[in-house]
Amino acid sequence: MLPVDARLTQSSDFARATKSGIRVTTQHFVGYLYISPVTNDASAKCGLIISKAVGGSVKRHRVARKVRHAITPLIPSLPTGSLLVIRALGQDGDSNLETEISELITKLISRSHKIAMK
C-alpha cells in the first residue's frame, strides 16, 4: 500500500503528469514523470492507470497490487514534488513486474537528469 501522502488522487495531477511529463515505455508499462518547476518539500506522489485491456477485475487488481508493492520502496529516490503515473498495458502473462517497474523508474529519473542538464 502506498503511504497516504504519496498517493496521486486528483485528476488534474494525473492529466499534468501524462500530458506534460517525461514518458518512458517498457513492454508492459508506460511511465510518466512530471517534475514540478516550483521547488517544494512535498514528497513525490504516485498513481496508477490500469485499463480493462489488462484483463478482468481480478487480474487488474493483482497487477495494481504488484505495481504498488514495487513502487513503494522507490518513492524516496524520486525528486521531491514530482508526480509519477504508471499506465499498465495489456499483460501477456506473469512476468517479473517488480524488476520492470524499477527499470522504468530508473529510466525516468535518468532521462529527467539529462533534461535538467540541458
PDB file of N, CA and C in Angstrom:
ATOM      1  N   MET A   1       0.842  -1.173   0.000  1.00  0.00           N
ATOM      2  CA  MET A   1       0.000   0.000   0.000  1.00  0.00           C
ATOM      3  C   MET A   1       0.893   1.244   0.000  1.00  0.00           C
ATOM      4  N   LEU A   2       0.509   2.220  -0.803  1.00  0.00           N
ATOM      5  CA  LEU A   2       1.251   3.474  -0.848  1.00  0.00           C
ATOM      6  C   LEU A   2       0.929   4.305   0.389  1.00  0.00           C
ATOM      7  N   PRO A   3       1.917   5.024   0.917  1.00  0.00           N
ATOM      8  CA  PRO A   3       1.614   5.934   2.026  1.00  0.00           C
ATOM      9  C   PRO A   3       0.600   6.994   1.584  1.00  0.00           C
ATOM     10  N   VAL A   4      -0.176   7.501   2.511  1.00  0.00           N
ATOM     11  CA  VAL A   4      -1.243   8.448   2.186  1.00  0.00           C
ATOM     12  C   VAL A   4      -0.684   9.691   1.501  1.00  0.00           C
ATOM     13  N   ASP A   5       0.447  10.204   1.983  1.00  0.00           N
ATOM     14  CA  ASP A   5       1.000  11.426   1.398  1.00  0.00           C
ATOM     15  C   ASP A   5       1.663  11.180   0.040  1.00  0.00           C
ATOM     16  N   ALA A   6       1.785   9.929  -0.391  1.00  0.00           N
ATOM     17  CA  ALA A   6       2.407   9.606  -1.669  1.00  0.00           C
ATOM     18  C   ALA A   6       1.392   9.189  -2.731  1.00  0.00           C
ATOM     19  N   ARG A   7       0.105   9.318  -2.431  1.00  0.00           N
ATOM     20  CA  ARG A   7      -0.926   8.899  -3.382  1.00  0.00           C
ATOM     21  C   ARG A   7      -1.338  10.063  -4.267  1.00  0.00           C
ATOM     22  N   LEU A   8      -1.443   9.791  -5.526  1.00  0.00           N
ATOM     23  CA  LEU A   8      -1.921  10.760  -6.501  1.00  0.00           C
ATOM     24  C   LEU A   8      -3.421  10.555  -6.638  1.00  0.00           C
ATOM     25  N   THR A   9      -4.208  11.550  -6.239  1.00  0.00           N
ATOM     26  CA  THR A   9      -5.651  11.357  -6.204  1.00  0.00           C
ATOM     27  C   THR A   9      -6.428  12.334  -7.078  1.00  0.00           C
ATOM     28  N   GLN A  10      -5.844  13.439  -7.451  1.00  0.00           N
ATOM     29  CA  GLN A  10      -6.557  14.458  -8.223  1.00  0.00           C
ATOM     30  C   GLN A  10      -6.417  14.200  -9.718  1.00  0.00           C
ATOM     31  N   SER A  11      -7.520  14.301 -10.427  1.00  0.00           N
ATOM     32  CA  SER A  11      -7.484  14.067 -11.875  1.00  0.00           C
ATOM     33  C   SER A  11      -6.631  15.114 -12.584  1.00  0.00           C
ATOM     34  N   SER A  12      -6.554  16.319 -12.049  1.00  0.00           N
ATOM     35  CA  SER A  12      -5.709  17.347 -12.662  1.00  0.00           C
ATOM     36  C   SER A  12      -4.227  16.976 -12.565  1.00  0.00           C
ATOM     37  N   ASP A  13      -3.836  16.320 -11.478  1.00  0.00           N
ATOM     38  CA  ASP A  13      -2.450  15.870 -11.343  1.00  0.00           C
ATOM     39  C   ASP A  13      -2.143  14.731 -12.311  1.00  0.00           C
ATOM     40  N   PHE A  14      -3.090  13.823 -12.505  1.00  0.00           N
ATOM     41  CA  PHE A  14      -2.914  12.757 -13.492  1.00  0.00           C
ATOM     42  C   PHE A  14      -2.739  13.370 -14.880  1.00  0.00           C
ATOM     43  N   ALA A  15      -3.583  14.347 -15.204  1.00  0.00           N
ATOM     44  CA  ALA A  15      -3.502  14.991 -16.517  1.00  0.00           C
ATOM     45  C   ALA A  15      -2.189  15.731 -16.684  1.00  0.00           C
ATOM     46  N   ARG A  16      -1.738  16.422 -15.665  1.00  0.00           N
ATOM     47  CA  ARG A  16      -0.473  17.155 -15.736  1.00  0.00           C
ATOM     48  C   ARG A  16       0.695  16.203 -15.979  1.00  0.00           C
ATOM     49  N   ALA A  17       0.706  15.082 -15.281  1.00  0.00           N
ATOM     50  CA  ALA A  17       1.808  14.129 -15.432  1.00  0.00           C
ATOM     51  C   ALA A  17       1.785  13.468 -16.803  1.00  0.00           C
ATOM     52  N   THR A  18       0.609  13.079 -17.284  1.00  0.00           N
ATOM     53  CA  THR A  18       0.546  12.354 -18.551  1.00  0.00           C
ATOM     54  C   THR A  18       0.722  13.271 -19.754  1.00  0.00           C
ATOM     55  N   LYS A  19       0.329  14.527 -19.642  1.00  0.00           N
ATOM     56  CA  LYS A  19       0.432  15.434 -20.780  1.00  0.00           C
ATOM     57  C   LYS A  19       1.756  16.206 -20.814  1.00  0.00           C
ATOM     58  N   SER A  20       2.292  16.549 -19.650  1.00  0.00           N
ATOM     59  CA  SER A  20       3.490  17.391 -19.605  1.00  0.00           C
ATOM     60  C   SER A  20       4.721  16.683 -19.067  1.00  0.00           C
ATOM     61  N   GLY A  21       4.583  15.446 -18.655  1.00  0.00           N
ATOM     62  CA  GLY A  21       5.698  14.748 -18.039  1.00  0.00           C
ATOM     63  C   GLY A  21       6.590  14.031 -19.040  1.00  0.00           C
ATOM     64  N   ILE A  22       7.699  13.552 -18.539  1.00  0.00           N
ATOM     65  CA  ILE A  22       8.630  12.733 -19.318  1.00  0.00           C
ATOM     66  C   ILE A  22       8.006  11.350 -19.458  1.00  0.00           C
ATOM     67  N   ARG A  23       8.090  10.761 -20.656  1.00  0.00           N
ATOM     68  CA  ARG A  23       7.451   9.469 -20.893  1.00  0.00           C
ATOM     69  C   ARG A  23       8.494   8.422 -21.256  1.00  0.00           C
ATOM     70  N   VAL A  24       8.370   7.257 -20.632  1.00  0.00           N
ATOM     71  CA  VAL A  24       9.217   6.100 -20.935  1.00  0.00           C
ATOM     72  C   VAL A  24       8.299   4.893 -21.074  1.00  0.00           C
ATOM     73  N   THR A  25       8.567   4.077 -22.100  1.00  0.00           N
ATOM     74  CA  THR A  25       7.738   2.902 -22.361  1.00  0.00           C
ATOM     75  C   THR A  25       8.569   1.638 -22.198  1.00  0.00           C
ATOM     76  N   THR A  26       7.984   0.635 -21.554  1.00  0.00           N
ATOM     77  CA  THR A  26       8.579  -0.693 -21.488  1.00  0.00           C
ATOM     78  C   THR A  26       7.584  -1.665 -22.114  1.00  0.00           C
ATOM     79  N   GLN A  27       7.848  -2.939 -21.985  1.00  0.00           N
ATOM     80  CA  GLN A  27       6.991  -3.935 -22.617  1.00  0.00           C
ATOM     81  C   GLN A  27       5.570  -3.906 -22.057  1.00  0.00           C
ATOM     82  N   HIS A  28       5.418  -3.759 -20.752  1.00  0.00           N
ATOM     83  CA  HIS A  28       4.107  -3.842 -20.127  1.00  0.00           C
ATOM     84  C   HIS A  28       3.600  -2.529 -19.540  1.00  0.00           C
ATOM     85  N   PHE A  29       4.431  -1.478 -19.520  1.00  0.00           N
ATOM     86  CA  PHE A  29       4.050  -0.247 -18.841  1.00  0.00           C
ATOM     87  C   PHE A  29       4.506   0.985 -19.604  1.00  0.00           C
ATOM     88  N   VAL A  30       3.810   2.083 -19.339  1.00  0.00           N
ATOM     89  CA  VAL A  30       4.235   3.407 -19.770  1.00  0.00           C
ATOM     90  C   VAL A  30       4.339   4.231 -18.496  1.00  0.00           C
ATOM     91  N   GLY A  31       5.470   4.869 -18.290  1.00  0.00           N
ATOM     92  CA  GLY A  31       5.671   5.683 -17.100  1.00  0.00           C
ATOM     93  C   GLY A  31       5.767   7.150 -17.462  1.00  0.00           C
ATOM     94  N   TYR A  32       5.161   7.988 -16.650  1.00  0.00           N
ATOM     95  CA  TYR A  32       5.202   9.433 -16.832  1.00  0.00           C
ATOM     96  C   TYR A  32       5.748  10.045 -15.549  1.00  0.00           C
ATOM     97  N   LEU A  33       6.716  10.942 -15.688  1.00  0.00           N
ATOM     98  CA  LEU A  33       7.274  11.627 -14.531  1.00  0.00           C
ATOM     99  C   LEU A  33       7.230  13.123 -14.796  1.00  0.00           C
ATOM    100  N   TYR A  34       6.470  13.831 -13.978  1.00  0.00           N
ATOM    101  CA  TYR A  34       6.376  15.287 -14.079  1.00  0.00           C
ATOM    102  C   TYR A  34       7.109  15.860 -12.885  1.00  0.00           C
ATOM    103  N   ILE A  35       8.095  16.699 -13.159  1.00  0.00           N
ATOM    104  CA  ILE A  35       8.845  17.346 -12.087  1.00  0.00           C
ATOM    105  C   ILE A  35       8.379  18.786 -12.017  1.00  0.00           C
ATOM    106  N   SER A  36       7.863  19.158 -10.883  1.00  0.00           N
ATOM    107  CA  SER A  36       7.311  20.496 -10.706  1.00  0.00           C
ATOM    108  C   SER A  36       8.412  21.544 -10.797  1.00  0.00           C
ATOM    109  N   PRO A  37       8.190  22.619 -11.574  1.00  0.00           N
ATOM    110  CA  PRO A  37       9.200  23.675 -11.651  1.00  0.00           C
ATOM    111  C   PRO A  37       9.302  24.476 -10.355  1.00  0.00           C
ATOM    112  N   VAL A  38       8.266  24.434  -9.538  1.00  0.00           N
ATOM    113  CA  VAL A  38       8.280  25.113  -8.245  1.00  0.00           C
ATOM    114  C   VAL A  38       8.966  24.193  -7.253  1.00  0.00           C
ATOM    115  N   THR A  39       9.994  24.686  -6.610  1.00  0.00           N
ATOM    116  CA  THR A  39      10.696  23.853  -5.638  1.00  0.00           C
ATOM    117  C   THR A  39       9.903  23.830  -4.336  1.00  0.00           C
ATOM    118  N   ASN A  40       9.524  22.658  -3.943  1.00  0.00           N
ATOM    119  CA  ASN A  40       8.813  22.476  -2.678  1.00  0.00           C
ATOM    120  C   ASN A  40       9.317  21.202  -2.015  1.00  0.00           C
ATOM    121  N   ASP A  41       9.005  21.064  -0.761  1.00  0.00           N
ATOM    122  CA  ASP A  41       9.484  19.909   0.001  1.00  0.00           C
ATOM    123  C   ASP A  41       8.453  18.796   0.094  1.00  0.00           C
ATOM    124  N   ALA A  42       7.436  18.862  -0.752  1.00  0.00           N
ATOM    125  CA  ALA A  42       6.413  17.818  -0.735  1.00  0.00           C
ATOM    126  C   ALA A  42       7.002  16.514  -1.270  1.00  0.00           C
ATOM    127  N   SER A  43       6.548  15.424  -0.730  1.00  0.00           N
ATOM    128  CA  SER A  43       7.047  14.140  -1.211  1.00  0.00           C
ATOM    129  C   SER A  43       6.481  13.852  -2.594  1.00  0.00           C
ATOM    130  N   ALA A  44       7.120  12.952  -3.302  1.00  0.00           N
ATOM    131  CA  ALA A  44       6.652  12.561  -4.632  1.00  0.00           C
ATOM    132  C   ALA A  44       5.319  11.840  -4.499  1.00  0.00           C
ATOM    133  N   LYS A  45       4.479  12.013  -5.498  1.00  0.00           N
ATOM    134  CA  LYS A  45       3.163  11.366  -5.496  1.00  0.00           C
ATOM    135  C   LYS A  45       3.095  10.406  -6.668  1.00  0.00           C
ATOM    136  N   CYS A  46       2.453   9.259  -6.439  1.00  0.00           N
ATOM    137  CA  CYS A  46       2.384   8.200  -7.446  1.00  0.00           C
ATOM    138  C   CYS A  46       0.937   7.794  -7.684  1.00  0.00           C
ATOM    139  N   GLY A  47       0.654   7.448  -8.942  1.00  0.00           N
ATOM    140  CA  GLY A  47      -0.679   6.985  -9.289  1.00  0.00           C
ATOM    141  C   GLY A  47      -0.603   5.920 -10.359  1.00  0.00           C
ATOM    142  N   LEU A  48      -1.666   5.150 -10.480  1.00  0.00           N
ATOM    143  CA  LEU A  48      -1.727   4.055 -11.442  1.00  0.00           C
ATOM    144  C   LEU A  48      -2.913   4.238 -12.373  1.00  0.00           C
ATOM    145  N   ILE A  49      -2.733   3.817 -13.621  1.00  0.00           N
ATOM    146  CA  ILE A  49      -3.825   3.742 -14.578  1.00  0.00           C
ATOM    147  C   ILE A  49      -3.811   2.321 -15.118  1.00  0.00           C
ATOM    148  N   ILE A  50      -4.841   1.561 -14.802  1.00  0.00           N
ATOM    149  CA  ILE A  50      -4.912   0.174 -15.248  1.00  0.00           C
ATOM    150  C   ILE A  50      -6.260  -0.014 -15.926  1.00  0.00           C
ATOM    151  N   SER A  51      -6.242  -0.134 -17.235  1.00  0.00           N
ATOM    152  CA  SER A  51      -7.483  -0.204 -18.001  1.00  0.00           C
ATOM    153  C   SER A  51      -7.968  -1.646 -18.133  1.00  0.00           C
ATOM    154  N   LYS A  52      -9.122  -1.800 -18.729  1.00  0.00           N
ATOM    155  CA  LYS A  52      -9.700  -3.128 -18.925  1.00  0.00           C
ATOM    156  C   LYS A  52      -8.943  -3.934 -19.965  1.00  0.00           C
ATOM    157  N   ALA A  53      -8.049  -3.289 -20.718  1.00  0.00           N
ATOM    158  CA  ALA A  53      -7.227  -4.018 -21.687  1.00  0.00           C
ATOM    159  C   ALA A  53      -6.270  -4.986 -20.985  1.00  0.00           C
ATOM    160  N   VAL A  54      -5.986  -4.728 -19.718  1.00  0.00           N
ATOM    161  CA  VAL A  54      -5.104  -5.605 -18.936  1.00  0.00           C
ATOM    162  C   VAL A  54      -5.784  -6.942 -18.681  1.00  0.00           C
ATOM    163  N   GLY A  55      -7.070  -6.927 -18.428  1.00  0.00           N
ATOM    164  CA  GLY A  55      -7.800  -8.164 -18.159  1.00  0.00           C
ATOM    165  C   GLY A  55      -9.023  -7.883 -17.309  1.00  0.00           C
ATOM    166  N   GLY A  56      -9.544  -8.932 -16.740  1.00  0.00           N
ATOM    167  CA  GLY A  56     -10.706  -8.813 -15.867  1.00  0.00           C
ATOM    168  C   GLY A  56     -10.361  -8.147 -14.554  1.00  0.00           C
ATOM    169  N   SER A  57     -11.356  -8.000 -13.726  1.00  0.00           N
ATOM    170  CA  SER A  57     -11.200  -7.305 -12.458  1.00  0.00           C
ATOM    171  C   SER A  57     -10.120  -7.926 -11.572  1.00  0.00           C
ATOM    172  N   VAL A  58     -10.122  -9.237 -11.471  1.00  0.00           N
ATOM    173  CA  VAL A  58      -9.150  -9.917 -10.609  1.00  0.00           C
ATOM    174  C   VAL A  58      -7.728  -9.665 -11.106  1.00  0.00           C
ATOM    175  N   LYS A  59      -7.528  -9.767 -12.403  1.00  0.00           N
ATOM    176  CA  LYS A  59      -6.188  -9.559 -12.969  1.00  0.00           C
ATOM    177  C   LYS A  59      -5.756  -8.103 -12.815  1.00  0.00           C
ATOM    178  N   ARG A  60      -6.665  -7.153 -13.038  1.00  0.00           N
ATOM    179  CA  ARG A  60      -6.318  -5.737 -12.894  1.00  0.00           C
ATOM    180  C   ARG A  60      -5.919  -5.419 -11.463  1.00  0.00           C
ATOM    181  N   HIS A  61      -6.657  -5.956 -10.493  1.00  0.00           N
ATOM    182  CA  HIS A  61      -6.311  -5.702  -9.099  1.00  0.00           C
ATOM    183  C   HIS A  61      -5.008  -6.385  -8.703  1.00  0.00           C
ATOM    184  N   ARG A  62      -4.744  -7.547  -9.259  1.00  0.00           N
ATOM    185  CA  ARG A  62      -3.477  -8.234  -8.986  1.00  0.00           C
ATOM    186  C   ARG A  62      -2.308  -7.407  -9.523  1.00  0.00           C
ATOM    187  N   VAL A  63      -2.446  -6.903 -10.739  1.00  0.00           N
ATOM    188  CA  VAL A  63      -1.394  -6.071 -11.329  1.00  0.00           C
ATOM    189  C   VAL A  63      -1.208  -4.798 -10.508  1.00  0.00           C
ATOM    190  N   ALA A  64      -2.312  -4.181 -10.092  1.00  0.00           N
ATOM    191  CA  ALA A  64      -2.231  -2.956  -9.285  1.00  0.00           C
ATOM    192  C   ALA A  64      -1.494  -3.202  -7.974  1.00  0.00           C
ATOM    193  N   ARG A  65      -1.792  -4.310  -7.307  1.00  0.00           N
ATOM    194  CA  ARG A  65      -1.099  -4.631  -6.054  1.00  0.00           C
ATOM    195  C   ARG A  65       0.393  -4.821  -6.284  1.00  0.00           C
ATOM    196  N   LYS A  66       0.752  -5.542  -7.354  1.00  0.00           N
ATOM    197  CA  LYS A  66       2.164  -5.782  -7.636  1.00  0.00           C
ATOM    198  C   LYS A  66       2.888  -4.485  -7.973  1.00  0.00           C
ATOM    199  N   VAL A  67       2.240  -3.619  -8.722  1.00  0.00           N
ATOM    200  CA  VAL A  67       2.867  -2.341  -9.086  1.00  0.00           C
ATOM    201  C   VAL A  67       3.037  -1.465  -7.855  1.00  0.00           C
ATOM    202  N   ARG A  68       2.007  -1.368  -7.017  1.00  0.00           N
ATOM    203  CA  ARG A  68       2.132  -0.576  -5.785  1.00  0.00           C
ATOM    204  C   ARG A  68       3.242  -1.121  -4.898  1.00  0.00           C
ATOM    205  N   HIS A  69       3.332  -2.440  -4.803  1.00  0.00           N
ATOM    206  CA  HIS A  69       4.378  -3.066  -3.997  1.00  0.00           C
ATOM    207  C   HIS A  69       5.766  -2.733  -4.556  1.00  0.00           C
ATOM    208  N   ALA A  70       5.894  -2.669  -5.876  1.00  0.00           N
ATOM    209  CA  ALA A  70       7.183  -2.366  -6.497  1.00  0.00           C
ATOM    210  C   ALA A  70       7.538  -0.883  -6.384  1.00  0.00           C
ATOM    211  N   ILE A  71       6.534  -0.010  -6.391  1.00  0.00           N
ATOM    212  CA  ILE A  71       6.784   1.434  -6.342  1.00  0.00           C
ATOM    213  C   ILE A  71       7.184   1.908  -4.949  1.00  0.00           C
ATOM    214  N   THR A  72       6.576   1.355  -3.923  1.00  0.00           N
ATOM    215  CA  THR A  72       6.733   1.865  -2.562  1.00  0.00           C
ATOM    216  C   THR A  72       8.183   2.063  -2.132  1.00  0.00           C
ATOM    217  N   PRO A  73       9.099   1.112  -2.314  1.00  0.00           N
ATOM    218  CA  PRO A  73      10.475   1.370  -1.874  1.00  0.00           C
ATOM    219  C   PRO A  73      11.217   2.372  -2.757  1.00  0.00           C
ATOM    220  N   LEU A  74      10.695   2.684  -3.942  1.00  0.00           N
ATOM    221  CA  LEU A  74      11.375   3.589  -4.856  1.00  0.00           C
ATOM    222  C   LEU A  74      10.935   5.043  -4.707  1.00  0.00           C
ATOM    223  N   ILE A  75       9.920   5.308  -3.907  1.00  0.00           N
ATOM    224  CA  ILE A  75       9.411   6.673  -3.742  1.00  0.00           C
ATOM    225  C   ILE A  75      10.485   7.633  -3.235  1.00  0.00           C
ATOM    226  N   PRO A  76      11.324   7.248  -2.258  1.00  0.00           N
ATOM    227  CA  PRO A  76      12.348   8.203  -1.798  1.00  0.00           C
ATOM    228  C   PRO A  76      13.372   8.585  -2.879  1.00  0.00           C
ATOM    229  N   SER A  77      13.540   7.756  -3.904  1.00  0.00           N
ATOM    230  CA  SER A  77      14.510   8.074  -4.948  1.00  0.00           C
ATOM    231  C   SER A  77      13.964   9.063  -5.974  1.00  0.00           C
ATOM    232  N   LEU A  78      12.650   9.323  -5.950  1.00  0.00           N
ATOM    233  CA  LEU A  78      12.046  10.272  -6.876  1.00  0.00           C
ATOM    234  C   LEU A  78      12.327  11.698  -6.419  1.00  0.00           C
ATOM    235  N   PRO A  79      12.413  12.645  -7.362  1.00  0.00           N
ATOM    236  CA  PRO A  79      12.615  14.052  -6.982  1.00  0.00           C
ATOM    237  C   PRO A  79      11.446  14.562  -6.143  1.00  0.00           C
ATOM    238  N   THR A  80      11.732  15.470  -5.213  1.00  0.00           N
ATOM    239  CA  THR A  80      10.675  15.993  -4.355  1.00  0.00           C
ATOM    240  C   THR A  80       9.682  16.799  -5.186  1.00  0.00           C
ATOM    241  N   GLY A  81       8.433  16.658  -4.860  1.00  0.00           N
ATOM    242  CA  GLY A  81       7.379  17.383  -5.555  1.00  0.00           C
ATOM    243  C   GLY A  81       7.018  16.825  -6.923  1.00  0.00           C
ATOM    244  N   SER A  82       7.563  15.676  -7.285  1.00  0.00           N
ATOM    245  CA  SER A  82       7.285  15.116  -8.612  1.00  0.00           C
ATOM    246  C   SER A  82       6.009  14.277  -8.595  1.00  0.00           C
ATOM    247  N   LEU A  83       5.478  14.074  -9.793  1.00  0.00           N
ATOM    248  CA  LEU A  83       4.279  13.255  -9.970  1.00  0.00           C
ATOM    249  C   LEU A  83       4.645  12.090 -10.871  1.00  0.00           C
ATOM    250  N   LEU A  84       4.400  10.877 -10.418  1.00  0.00           N
ATOM    251  CA  LEU A  84       4.686   9.669 -11.174  1.00  0.00           C
ATOM    252  C   LEU A  84       3.377   8.958 -11.470  1.00  0.00           C
ATOM    253  N   VAL A  85       3.151   8.662 -12.754  1.00  0.00           N
ATOM    254  CA  VAL A  85       1.974   7.903 -13.155  1.00  0.00           C
ATOM    255  C   VAL A  85       2.458   6.705 -13.955  1.00  0.00           C
ATOM    256  N   ILE A  86       1.964   5.529 -13.623  1.00  0.00           N
ATOM    257  CA  ILE A  86       2.309   4.320 -14.359  1.00  0.00           C
ATOM    258  C   ILE A  86       1.037   3.762 -14.970  1.00  0.00           C
ATOM    259  N   ARG A  87       1.067   3.612 -16.290  1.00  0.00           N
ATOM    260  CA  ARG A  87      -0.067   3.073 -17.041  1.00  0.00           C
ATOM    261  C   ARG A  87       0.278   1.642 -17.440  1.00  0.00           C
ATOM    262  N   ALA A  88      -0.578   0.707 -17.061  1.00  0.00           N
ATOM    263  CA  ALA A  88      -0.367  -0.699 -17.411  1.00  0.00           C
ATOM    264  C   ALA A  88      -0.935  -0.950 -18.801  1.00  0.00           C
ATOM    265  N   LEU A  89      -0.157  -1.628 -19.630  1.00  0.00           N
ATOM    266  CA  LEU A  89      -0.612  -2.040 -20.949  1.00  0.00           C
ATOM    267  C   LEU A  89      -1.111  -3.470 -20.852  1.00  0.00           C
ATOM    268  N   GLY A  90      -1.599  -4.022 -21.915  1.00  0.00           N
ATOM    269  CA  GLY A  90      -2.086  -5.401 -21.907  1.00  0.00           C
ATOM    270  C   GLY A  90      -1.019  -6.364 -21.430  1.00  0.00           C
ATOM    271  N   GLN A  91      -1.361  -7.220 -20.512  1.00  0.00           N
ATOM    272  CA  GLN A  91      -0.418  -8.178 -19.936  1.00  0.00           C
ATOM    273  C   GLN A  91      -0.511  -9.501 -20.685  1.00  0.00           C
ATOM    274  N   ASP A  92       0.630 -10.096 -20.987  1.00  0.00           N
ATOM    275  CA  ASP A  92       0.627 -11.367 -21.711  1.00  0.00           C
ATOM    276  C   ASP A  92       1.088 -12.523 -20.840  1.00  0.00           C
ATOM    277  N   GLY A  93       1.054 -12.371 -19.561  1.00  0.00           N
ATOM    278  CA  GLY A  93       1.465 -13.438 -18.664  1.00  0.00           C
ATOM    279  C   GLY A  93       2.041 -12.849 -17.395  1.00  0.00           C
ATOM    280  N   ASP A  94       2.444 -13.713 -16.496  1.00  0.00           N
ATOM    281  CA  ASP A  94       3.036 -13.247 -15.251  1.00  0.00           C
ATOM    282  C   ASP A  94       4.534 -13.048 -15.442  1.00  0.00           C
ATOM    283  N   SER A  95       4.917 -11.854 -15.823  1.00  0.00           N
ATOM    284  CA  SER A  95       6.331 -11.545 -15.934  1.00  0.00           C
ATOM    285  C   SER A  95       6.795 -10.967 -14.601  1.00  0.00           C
ATOM    286  N   ASN A  96       8.067 -10.676 -14.505  1.00  0.00           N
ATOM    287  CA  ASN A  96       8.608 -10.114 -13.282  1.00  0.00           C
ATOM    288  C   ASN A  96       8.356  -8.613 -13.294  1.00  0.00           C
ATOM    289  N   LEU A  97       7.222  -8.197 -12.782  1.00  0.00           N
ATOM    290  CA  LEU A  97       6.795  -6.811 -12.832  1.00  0.00           C
ATOM    291  C   LEU A  97       7.669  -5.906 -11.967  1.00  0.00           C
ATOM    292  N   GLU A  98       8.167  -6.422 -10.857  1.00  0.00           N
ATOM    293  CA  GLU A  98       8.943  -5.589  -9.943  1.00  0.00           C
ATOM    294  C   GLU A  98      10.225  -5.090 -10.591  1.00  0.00           C
ATOM    295  N   THR A  99      10.934  -5.957 -11.312  1.00  0.00           N
ATOM    296  CA  THR A  99      12.158  -5.511 -11.976  1.00  0.00           C
ATOM    297  C   THR A  99      11.840  -4.565 -13.127  1.00  0.00           C
ATOM    298  N   GLU A 100      10.732  -4.820 -13.835  1.00  0.00           N
ATOM    299  CA  GLU A 100      10.359  -3.936 -14.937  1.00  0.00           C
ATOM    300  C   GLU A 100       9.974  -2.548 -14.419  1.00  0.00           C
ATOM    301  N   ILE A 101       9.292  -2.475 -13.285  1.00  0.00           N
ATOM    302  CA  ILE A 101       8.923  -1.187 -12.692  1.00  0.00           C
ATOM    303  C   ILE A 101      10.167  -0.446 -12.224  1.00  0.00           C
ATOM    304  N   SER A 102      11.085  -1.151 -11.568  1.00  0.00           N
ATOM    305  CA  SER A 102      12.298  -0.472 -11.095  1.00  0.00           C
ATOM    306  C   SER A 102      13.140   0.032 -12.269  1.00  0.00           C
ATOM    307  N   GLU A 103      13.201  -0.738 -13.361  1.00  0.00           N
ATOM    308  CA  GLU A 103      13.914  -0.270 -14.551  1.00  0.00           C
ATOM    309  C   GLU A 103      13.218   0.942 -15.155  1.00  0.00           C
ATOM    310  N   LEU A 104      11.900   0.931 -15.182  1.00  0.00           N
ATOM    311  CA  LEU A 104      11.126   2.044 -15.717  1.00  0.00           C
ATOM    312  C   LEU A 104      11.395   3.322 -14.930  1.00  0.00           C
ATOM    313  N   ILE A 105      11.369   3.229 -13.617  1.00  0.00           N
ATOM    314  CA  ILE A 105      11.596   4.406 -12.777  1.00  0.00           C
ATOM    315  C   ILE A 105      13.030   4.883 -12.905  1.00  0.00           C
ATOM    316  N   THR A 106      13.981   3.963 -13.002  1.00  0.00           N
ATOM    317  CA  THR A 106      15.378   4.345 -13.205  1.00  0.00           C
ATOM    318  C   THR A 106      15.553   5.098 -14.521  1.00  0.00           C
ATOM    319  N   LYS A 107      14.906   4.617 -15.587  1.00  0.00           N
ATOM    320  CA  LYS A 107      14.973   5.300 -16.882  1.00  0.00           C
ATOM    321  C   LYS A 107      14.352   6.687 -16.808  1.00  0.00           C
ATOM    322  N   LEU A 108      13.224   6.802 -16.107  1.00  0.00           N
ATOM    323  CA  LEU A 108      12.571   8.101 -15.966  1.00  0.00           C
ATOM    324  C   LEU A 108      13.460   9.097 -15.233  1.00  0.00           C
ATOM    325  N   ILE A 109      14.076   8.648 -14.152  1.00  0.00           N
ATOM    326  CA  ILE A 109      14.936   9.536 -13.366  1.00  0.00           C
ATOM    327  C   ILE A 109      16.162   9.944 -14.168  1.00  0.00           C
ATOM    328  N   SER A 110      16.779   8.990 -14.874  1.00  0.00           N
ATOM    329  CA  SER A 110      17.966   9.340 -15.664  1.00  0.00           C
ATOM    330  C   SER A 110      17.607  10.285 -16.801  1.00  0.00           C
ATOM    331  N   ARG A 111      16.457  10.079 -17.438  1.00  0.00           N
ATOM    332  CA  ARG A 111      16.033  10.986 -18.506  1.00  0.00           C
ATOM    333  C   ARG A 111      15.724  12.369 -17.952  1.00  0.00           C
ATOM    334  N   SER A 112      15.169  12.440 -16.747  1.00  0.00           N
ATOM    335  CA  SER A 112      14.890  13.755 -16.163  1.00  0.00           C
ATOM    336  C   SER A 112      16.193  14.484 -15.828  1.00  0.00           C
ATOM    337  N   HIS A 113      17.222  13.752 -15.409  1.00  0.00           N
ATOM    338  CA  HIS A 113      18.522  14.375 -15.137  1.00  0.00           C
ATOM    339  C   HIS A 113      19.140  14.892 -16.432  1.00  0.00           C
ATOM    340  N   LYS A 114      19.010  14.134 -17.524  1.00  0.00           N
ATOM    341  CA  LYS A 114      19.543  14.575 -18.808  1.00  0.00           C
ATOM    342  C   LYS A 114      18.866  15.862 -19.278  1.00  0.00           C
ATOM    343  N   ILE A 115      17.541  15.923 -19.083  1.00  0.00           N
ATOM    344  CA  ILE A 115      16.799  17.113 -19.499  1.00  0.00           C
ATOM    345  C   ILE A 115      17.170  18.300 -18.624  1.00  0.00           C
ATOM    346  N   ALA A 116      17.386  18.056 -17.338  1.00  0.00           N
ATOM    347  CA  ALA A 116      17.754  19.131 -16.417  1.00  0.00           C
ATOM    348  C   ALA A 116      19.139  19.686 -16.738  1.00  0.00           C
ATOM    349  N   MET A 117      20.013  18.854 -17.279  1.00  0.00           N
ATOM    350  CA  MET A 117      21.373  19.292 -17.596  1.00  0.00           C
ATOM    351  C   MET A 117      21.408  20.201 -18.812  1.00  0.00           C
ATOM    352  N   LYS A 118      20.358  20.140 -19.659  1.00  0.00           N
ATOM    353  CA  LYS A 118      20.356  20.966 -20.877  1.00  0.00           C
ATOM    354  C   LYS A 118      20.152  22.419 -20.582  1.00  0.00           C
TER     355      LYS A 118
END
